[in-house]
């Protein structure tokens, strides 16, 4: 169970975070949240889809990591086999919270950083990277996390507006994938949504210009281009299946 505290350079002066990867460190499998602020980086290596949780009227974006809820094909031992680490993973045990602060005589809700002290990446034995410098300043690691959290915060807000606009134009369609990896293994993915290419191509000039003017059209094309990464993911799945079969035969 999470145990969040407002990050403080006095109370948490010795806090360290394990940044390697592996079993037991809370690394996600199957799907990981994705945000429009990172689509340009994500689309180079991850397939991006949309999902809608049961009872939720809105959509949110996800990056596909594997073909079932327990599979992460980007995780190779203690290595993350991709050049870009999704923000939802790079943030580690940190998240954006809100605190009421007086500014200019007005009470405002301002974003602040919280840390989950029960997160598996929080070091208990002095390993990992320091969060604060010896005199209390932010370490380079914390500066990076702060940038990641800002991208997540901005991307969450931008995502709500983006997906609502795409839905209003009828550009979101359900996607079901029946995949075969070899003669004995396959997977069926349901509950995902993507961009309707035909509907996009048939948009009138006013709607298309509106997407371009608001910056949403770029995100649409980034999502579409990301789907070419399915080939990479399938190839990695096939490679692991062959390796597993060879190991079983040798045993």
Protein backbone atom coordinates (compact mmCIF):
# COMPACT_ATOMS: atom_id res chain seq x y z
CA UNK A 1 0.00 0.00 0.00
CA UNK A 2 1.34 3.44 -0.91
CA UNK A 3 2.56 5.79 1.83
CA UNK A 4 2.83 9.27 0.36
CA UNK A 5 4.61 12.19 1.98
CA UNK A 6 5.35 15.69 0.76
CA UNK A 7 8.97 15.60 -0.40
CA UNK A 8 11.18 17.54 2.00
CA UNK A 9 14.97 18.01 1.93
CA UNK A 10 15.16 17.74 5.73
CA UNK A 11 12.83 14.81 6.44
CA UNK A 12 14.12 12.96 3.36
CA UNK A 13 17.72 14.17 3.28
CA UNK A 14 19.07 10.62 3.01
CA UNK A 15 16.46 9.35 0.55
CA UNK A 16 17.85 7.23 -2.29
CA UNK A 17 16.11 5.61 -5.24
CA UNK A 18 17.08 2.44 -7.09
CA UNK A 19 17.14 3.21 -10.81
CA UNK A 20 17.97 -0.22 -12.25
CA UNK A 21 15.22 -2.47 -13.58
CA UNK A 22 14.09 -5.95 -12.71
CA UNK A 23 11.65 -8.17 -10.86
CA UNK A 24 10.39 -6.70 -7.61
CA UNK A 25 11.03 -3.05 -8.47
CA UNK A 26 7.51 -2.20 -9.55
CA UNK A 27 8.20 -2.14 -13.29
CA UNK A 28 4.90 -2.28 -15.19
CA UNK A 29 3.82 -4.97 -17.62
CA UNK A 30 1.25 -5.13 -20.40
CA UNK A 31 0.39 -1.45 -20.63
CA UNK A 32 1.79 1.77 -19.20
CA UNK A 33 0.12 5.21 -19.15
CA UNK A 34 1.25 7.56 -21.92
CA UNK A 35 0.86 11.31 -22.31
CA UNK A 36 0.71 13.58 -25.38
CA UNK A 37 3.71 15.53 -24.07
CA UNK A 38 5.88 12.45 -24.73
CA UNK A 39 4.25 11.09 -27.89
CA UNK A 40 7.15 12.32 -30.06
CA UNK A 41 9.59 10.16 -28.07
CA UNK A 42 7.26 7.24 -27.45
CA UNK A 43 6.24 6.78 -31.09
CA UNK A 44 9.79 5.86 -32.07
CA UNK A 45 9.74 2.69 -29.97
CA UNK A 46 6.29 1.91 -28.50
CA UNK A 47 2.84 1.29 -29.99
CA UNK A 48 0.41 3.89 -28.59
CA UNK A 49 -3.27 3.10 -28.12
CA UNK A 50 -6.21 4.55 -26.21
CA UNK A 51 -8.24 2.89 -23.49
CA UNK A 52 -11.45 3.62 -21.67
CA UNK A 53 -11.92 2.16 -18.21
CA UNK A 54 -15.28 0.66 -17.30
CA UNK A 55 -17.66 3.42 -16.26
CA UNK A 56 -15.30 6.13 -17.52
CA UNK A 57 -16.62 8.35 -20.30
CA UNK A 58 -13.18 9.65 -21.27
CA UNK A 59 -10.15 8.05 -22.93
CA UNK A 60 -6.54 7.87 -21.85
CA UNK A 61 -3.45 6.84 -23.79
CA UNK A 62 -1.29 3.80 -23.11
CA UNK A 63 1.93 2.38 -24.52
CA UNK A 64 1.91 -1.36 -25.21
CA UNK A 65 4.71 -3.25 -23.46
CA UNK A 66 3.60 -6.85 -23.97
CA UNK A 67 0.76 -9.07 -25.07
CA UNK A 68 -0.74 -9.87 -21.69
CA UNK A 69 -0.99 -8.19 -18.31
CA UNK A 70 2.16 -9.87 -16.99
CA UNK A 71 4.48 -9.34 -19.95
CA UNK A 72 7.04 -6.58 -20.54
CA UNK A 73 9.02 -7.20 -23.72
CA UNK A 74 11.17 -4.12 -23.16
CA UNK A 75 12.56 -5.49 -19.89
CA UNK A 76 15.69 -7.59 -20.36
CA UNK A 77 17.10 -8.58 -16.99
CA UNK A 78 18.14 -5.30 -15.35
CA UNK A 79 18.08 -3.41 -18.67
CA UNK A 80 15.29 -1.46 -20.28
CA UNK A 81 15.71 -2.25 -23.95
CA UNK A 82 14.63 1.09 -25.44
CA UNK A 83 16.19 4.50 -25.87
CA UNK A 84 13.29 6.32 -24.20
CA UNK A 85 11.78 5.45 -20.83
CA UNK A 86 8.07 6.32 -20.53
CA UNK A 87 7.42 9.09 -18.03
CA UNK A 88 5.11 6.92 -15.93
CA UNK A 89 8.13 4.68 -15.27
CA UNK A 90 10.85 7.33 -15.14
CA UNK A 91 9.03 9.14 -12.33
CA UNK A 92 9.84 6.25 -9.99
CA UNK A 93 8.27 6.66 -6.52
CA UNK A 94 7.33 10.32 -7.10
CA UNK A 95 4.11 11.98 -8.17
CA UNK A 96 2.52 15.39 -8.39
CA UNK A 97 0.22 16.36 -5.54
CA UNK A 98 -1.39 19.66 -4.71
CA UNK A 99 -1.02 21.98 -1.74
CA UNK A 100 -2.91 25.14 -0.90
CA UNK A 101 -0.55 28.12 -0.80
CA UNK A 102 -1.06 31.87 -0.37
CA UNK A 103 0.12 33.77 -3.45
CA UNK A 104 -0.57 37.47 -3.93
CA UNK A 105 -3.13 37.39 -1.16
CA UNK A 106 -5.04 34.53 -2.77
CA UNK A 107 -5.24 30.88 -1.72
CA UNK A 108 -4.23 28.70 -4.65
CA UNK A 109 -3.72 24.97 -5.23
CA UNK A 110 -0.13 24.57 -6.38
CA UNK A 111 1.51 21.37 -7.66
CA UNK A 112 4.11 19.87 -5.30
CA UNK A 113 6.15 16.66 -5.34
CA UNK A 114 5.17 13.72 -3.14
CA UNK A 115 7.10 10.50 -2.61
CA UNK A 116 5.75 7.02 -1.93
CA UNK A 117 8.00 5.76 0.87
CA UNK A 118 6.68 2.22 0.42
CA UNK A 119 7.55 2.10 -3.29
CA UNK A 120 9.93 -0.81 -4.09
CA UNK A 121 12.42 1.61 -5.65
CA UNK A 122 12.93 3.50 -2.40
CA UNK A 123 16.28 2.27 -1.07
CA UNK A 124 16.52 0.93 2.46
CA UNK A 125 20.22 0.03 2.43
CA UNK A 126 21.98 3.08 0.98
CA UNK A 127 21.95 1.82 -2.60
CA UNK A 128 20.63 3.84 -5.51
CA UNK A 129 20.97 7.51 -6.41
CA UNK A 130 20.61 10.36 -3.95
CA UNK A 131 17.54 12.57 -4.18
CA UNK A 132 19.14 15.53 -2.40
CA UNK A 133 22.68 16.91 -2.35
CA UNK A 134 24.57 16.96 0.99
CA UNK A 135 23.59 20.61 1.64
CA UNK A 136 19.93 20.06 0.72
CA UNK A 137 19.84 21.07 -2.93
CA UNK A 138 18.20 19.02 -5.65
CA UNK A 139 20.36 16.26 -7.11
CA UNK A 140 20.55 15.91 -10.92
CA UNK A 141 18.27 12.90 -10.53
CA UNK A 142 15.59 14.92 -8.74
CA UNK A 143 15.89 17.67 -11.36
CA UNK A 144 15.20 15.05 -14.02
CA UNK A 145 12.23 13.63 -12.08
CA UNK A 146 10.82 17.14 -11.68
CA UNK A 147 10.93 17.60 -15.46
CA UNK A 148 9.25 14.22 -15.97
CA UNK A 149 6.51 15.04 -13.47
CA UNK A 150 5.84 18.37 -15.13
CA UNK A 151 5.46 16.59 -18.46
CA UNK A 152 3.01 14.12 -16.89
CA UNK A 153 1.03 16.93 -15.24
CA UNK A 154 0.82 18.97 -18.45
CA UNK A 155 0.18 15.84 -20.51
CA UNK A 156 -2.72 14.72 -18.32
CA UNK A 157 -4.51 18.01 -18.86
CA UNK A 158 -3.67 18.12 -22.57
CA UNK A 159 -4.75 14.51 -23.02
CA UNK A 160 -8.26 15.08 -21.67
CA UNK A 161 -8.84 17.90 -24.15
CA UNK A 162 -7.20 16.04 -27.04
CA UNK A 163 -9.14 12.77 -26.70
CA UNK A 164 -12.44 14.59 -26.15
CA UNK A 165 -11.88 16.54 -29.38
CA UNK A 166 -10.96 13.40 -31.34
CA UNK A 167 -13.98 11.57 -29.96
CA UNK A 168 -16.28 14.45 -30.92
CA UNK A 169 -15.01 14.20 -34.51
CA UNK A 170 -15.58 10.45 -34.58
CA UNK A 171 -11.87 9.71 -35.00
CA UNK A 172 -11.59 7.08 -32.27
CA UNK A 173 -12.46 3.49 -33.11
CA UNK A 174 -12.16 0.20 -31.18
CA UNK A 175 -9.22 -2.01 -32.10
CA UNK A 176 -9.09 -5.80 -31.72
CA UNK A 177 -5.87 -7.60 -32.64
CA UNK A 178 -5.58 -11.33 -33.32
CA UNK A 179 -1.87 -12.13 -33.47
CA UNK A 180 0.06 -15.30 -34.27
CA UNK A 181 3.67 -15.61 -33.14
CA UNK A 182 4.20 -19.19 -34.34
CA UNK A 183 2.15 -22.33 -34.91
CA UNK A 184 1.46 -22.80 -31.20
CA UNK A 185 1.35 -19.29 -29.74
CA UNK A 186 -0.75 -16.21 -30.30
CA UNK A 187 -2.57 -13.43 -28.50
CA UNK A 188 -5.83 -11.53 -28.78
CA UNK A 189 -5.86 -7.91 -27.62
CA UNK A 190 -9.18 -6.27 -26.80
CA UNK A 191 -10.26 -3.10 -25.04
CA UNK A 192 -7.96 -0.90 -27.09
CA UNK A 193 -8.85 2.05 -29.31
CA UNK A 194 -7.02 3.78 -32.13
CA UNK A 195 -7.39 6.46 -34.78
CA UNK A 196 -9.83 5.79 -37.61
CA UNK A 197 -7.68 6.45 -40.70
CA UNK A 198 -10.62 6.56 -43.10
CA UNK A 199 -12.52 9.01 -40.94
CA UNK A 200 -9.39 11.16 -40.61
CA UNK A 201 -8.89 11.18 -44.39
CA UNK A 202 -12.52 12.19 -44.87
CA UNK A 203 -12.53 15.17 -42.50
CA UNK A 204 -13.68 18.44 -44.00
CA UNK A 205 -11.18 21.27 -44.33
CA UNK A 206 -12.56 23.20 -41.36
CA UNK A 207 -12.26 20.27 -38.96
CA UNK A 208 -8.80 19.37 -40.23
CA UNK A 209 -7.61 22.94 -39.88
CA UNK A 210 -9.05 23.07 -36.37
CA UNK A 211 -6.97 20.04 -35.38
CA UNK A 212 -3.89 21.60 -36.92
CA UNK A 213 -4.49 24.99 -35.31
CA UNK A 214 -4.81 23.48 -31.83
CA UNK A 215 -1.74 21.26 -32.28
CA UNK A 216 -3.75 18.05 -32.07
CA UNK A 217 -3.11 16.88 -35.61
CA UNK A 218 0.54 16.20 -34.84
CA UNK A 219 -0.48 13.98 -31.93
CA UNK A 220 -2.86 12.06 -34.18
CA UNK A 221 -0.12 11.30 -36.71
CA UNK A 222 2.33 10.38 -33.94
CA UNK A 223 -0.16 7.82 -32.65
CA UNK A 224 -0.63 6.40 -36.12
CA UNK A 225 3.10 6.17 -36.82
CA UNK A 226 3.67 4.46 -33.46
CA UNK A 227 1.77 1.40 -34.65
CA UNK A 228 4.72 0.35 -36.82
CA UNK A 229 6.38 -0.63 -33.53
CA UNK A 230 4.03 -3.59 -33.36
CA UNK A 231 6.43 -5.33 -35.74
CA UNK A 232 9.28 -4.82 -33.29
CA UNK A 233 7.20 -6.08 -30.37
CA UNK A 234 6.05 -9.18 -32.27
CA UNK A 235 9.62 -9.94 -33.37
CA UNK A 236 10.83 -9.72 -29.76
CA UNK A 237 8.03 -12.02 -28.63
CA UNK A 238 8.98 -14.54 -31.32
CA UNK A 239 12.65 -14.32 -30.33
CA UNK A 240 11.81 -15.09 -26.70
CA UNK A 241 9.56 -17.98 -27.68
CA UNK A 242 12.38 -19.49 -29.75
CA UNK A 243 14.83 -19.03 -26.90
CA UNK A 244 12.40 -20.67 -24.50
CA UNK A 245 11.88 -23.62 -26.86
CA UNK A 246 15.65 -24.07 -27.27
CA UNK A 247 16.13 -24.03 -23.50
CA UNK A 248 13.39 -26.61 -22.99
CA UNK A 249 14.89 -28.88 -25.66
CA UNK A 250 18.35 -28.58 -24.15
CA UNK A 251 16.95 -29.44 -20.72
